[in-house]
Structure formats: C-alpha cells, structure tokens
Amino acid sequence: MSKLILGGKITNSHSTLTETAEKLVCEAVKSTLISKIGIANITHVGGGRKSLKFLPITGGIKAVVRGSGSVQEIYIYTNSPNETKIELNKIFENI
C-alpha cells in the first residue's frame, strides 16, 4: 500500500510513497543534514527482502528503497552525503 505525503522538505513532483519508503522519509525530514527530498516513481517487483542502497547524484544521494513488493527511488539533497547515508542507514535498520 502506498501513502500520499506532501509539504516541508518534500518536493511535489511525485507524492506517493511505499510503506517502507514512507517510514524512512518521515524520519529523514527531521534531519538537519537534509535540505530537500524528491520522491520518484514506484516500481512493482516480485517478493524479496527490504533493502536500502545509495548512489551519488549532483547535490546529494539517490536512495533506492526496496520493500516487500516494490522499489522506490528517493532523491536526498544534502551537503553531507556520507553523514546522511550513515544517518539514513540507522533509520532504516529500525524500520
């Protein structure tokens, strides 16, 4: 199931989050390291473990969040990508 989320640090190009991505983003918006979060498309996939991977982008990092049946890309804009990855990994471990 996906949920609509808007406002604050969230850009409004896409506004729907998967359950796993929602939990990560709701905690990430509280971070002082993150200036903006861009939510991208959801891709439905077969079953699998939840996971979090990062790729560098200009101005931050792209987080690829896999849930039980979907994958979502989230663009995280930050001046401290390494510290942000550490913080997001800690959040994700508690999801």
Protein backbone atom coordinates (compact mmCIF):
# COMPACT_ATOMS: atom_id res chain seq x y z
CA MET A 1 0.00 0.00 0.00
CA SER A 2 1.25 3.49 -0.77
CA LYS A 3 0.58 6.75 1.02
CA LEU A 4 0.36 10.37 -0.08
CA ILE A 5 2.78 12.78 1.61
CA LEU A 6 3.36 16.48 0.91
CA GLY A 7 4.96 19.60 2.37
CA GLY A 8 8.05 20.70 4.22
CA LYS A 9 11.23 19.35 2.64
CA ILE A 10 9.24 17.14 0.23
CA THR A 11 9.13 18.29 -3.39
CA ASN A 12 5.79 17.87 -5.08
CA SER A 13 6.66 16.23 -8.41
CA HIS A 14 5.54 12.86 -7.01
CA SER A 15 3.89 12.50 -3.66
CA THR A 16 3.15 8.80 -3.14
CA LEU A 17 5.38 6.62 -1.01
CA THR A 18 5.52 2.89 -0.45
CA GLU A 19 5.13 1.73 3.14
CA THR A 20 8.87 1.15 3.59
CA ALA A 21 9.85 4.42 1.90
CA GLU A 22 7.26 6.33 3.93
CA LYS A 23 8.81 5.24 7.22
CA LEU A 24 12.26 6.30 6.00
CA VAL A 25 11.12 9.67 4.63
CA CYS A 26 9.05 10.54 7.71
CA GLU A 27 12.20 10.23 9.82
CA ALA A 28 14.52 11.76 7.20
CA VAL A 29 12.58 15.06 7.06
CA LYS A 30 13.63 15.62 10.69
CA SER A 31 17.33 15.56 9.75
CA THR A 32 19.24 18.82 9.78
CA LEU A 33 21.60 17.34 7.16
CA ILE A 34 18.87 17.09 4.52
CA SER A 35 17.67 20.19 2.68
CA LYS A 36 15.18 18.61 0.24
CA ILE A 37 13.68 15.22 -0.60
CA GLY A 38 12.43 14.30 -4.07
CA ILE A 39 10.11 11.32 -4.36
CA ALA A 40 10.32 9.30 -7.58
CA ASN A 41 8.23 6.58 -9.22
CA ILE A 42 7.32 3.27 -7.62
CA THR A 43 8.22 0.06 -9.46
CA HIS A 44 6.40 -3.11 -8.51
CA VAL A 45 8.64 -6.19 -8.27
CA GLY A 46 8.41 -9.74 -7.01
CA GLY A 47 8.94 -10.61 -3.39
CA GLY A 48 12.24 -10.01 -1.67
CA ARG A 49 13.93 -8.57 1.36
CA LYS A 50 13.76 -4.93 2.21
CA SER A 51 16.97 -3.10 1.40
CA LEU A 52 18.44 0.37 1.08
CA LYS A 53 21.10 1.32 -1.46
CA PHE A 54 22.68 4.68 -2.27
CA LEU A 55 24.01 6.22 -5.47
CA PRO A 56 25.73 9.61 -5.74
CA ILE A 57 23.94 12.43 -7.55
CA THR A 58 24.75 16.09 -8.02
CA GLY A 59 23.79 17.77 -4.77
CA GLY A 60 23.29 14.65 -2.71
CA ILE A 61 22.37 10.99 -2.99
CA LYS A 62 19.73 8.77 -4.54
CA ALA A 63 18.28 6.24 -2.11
CA VAL A 64 16.80 3.10 -3.64
CA VAL A 65 14.34 1.65 -1.13
CA ARG A 66 13.09 -1.88 -1.64
CA GLY A 67 10.08 -3.12 0.28
CA SER A 68 8.32 -6.47 0.13
CA GLY A 69 6.88 -5.98 -3.36
CA SER A 70 8.11 -2.61 -4.64
CA VAL A 71 11.14 -0.43 -5.24
CA GLN A 72 11.15 3.36 -4.91
CA GLU A 73 13.84 5.92 -5.66
CA ILE A 74 14.14 8.90 -3.34
CA TYR A 75 16.43 11.83 -4.12
CA ILE A 76 18.04 13.26 -0.99
CA TYR A 77 19.66 16.69 -1.32
CA THR A 78 22.40 17.35 1.20
CA ASN A 79 25.81 18.98 1.59
CA SER A 80 26.97 15.99 3.68
CA PRO A 81 26.23 12.83 1.66
CA ASN A 82 28.40 10.46 3.72
CA GLU A 83 26.96 11.57 7.05
CA THR A 84 23.46 11.46 5.57
CA LYS A 85 23.95 7.87 4.38
CA ILE A 86 25.04 6.84 7.87
CA GLU A 87 22.01 8.55 9.41
CA LEU A 88 19.59 7.01 6.89
CA ASN A 89 21.06 3.54 7.36
CA LYS A 90 20.47 3.82 11.13
CA ILE A 91 16.86 4.88 10.49
CA PHE A 92 16.35 2.03 8.02
CA GLU A 93 17.68 -0.57 10.46
CA ASN A 94 14.83 0.32 12.82
CA ILE A 95 12.10 0.02 10.19
